[in-house]
Amino acid sequence: MIPDSRKDEGLNWKFIYGYPDQARASPFSSVFHDCMFDPAAFHLLLAQSAYHLAALKGQPPPLQALYHKAAGLSIVNARLSDPELAVCDGNIIAATTMVSLEVC
């Protein structure tokens, strides 16, 4: 199942405009850049936004959140078999985002 891209745009909006300025410093910060251009980090960013929006509404996570979480996890798992990709910035950001999804 491919999620609705209009819903994904809303999740991206949540990250850019919904979080406090001190948490995202600048839309051009290194972490934001990696999330926008690294597929694993991007999927997990969208999953995190979907989980957060659902929690704010008191609802269970939508299928869209689970799709992006699974897609990001699949990419991270594939990268772990390559020593260079396992420690790339995007993979580290994706792994820490995954941890925050599991803990919260």
Foldseek 3Di string as FASTA:
>chain_A
DDDDVVLLVVLVCCVVPVDDCVVVVDCPDPLNVLLVPPLLNVLLSSLVSQCVVCVVVVHHRDVSSVVSLVRSVVVLVVQCVPVVSVPDPSSVNNVVSNVVVVVD
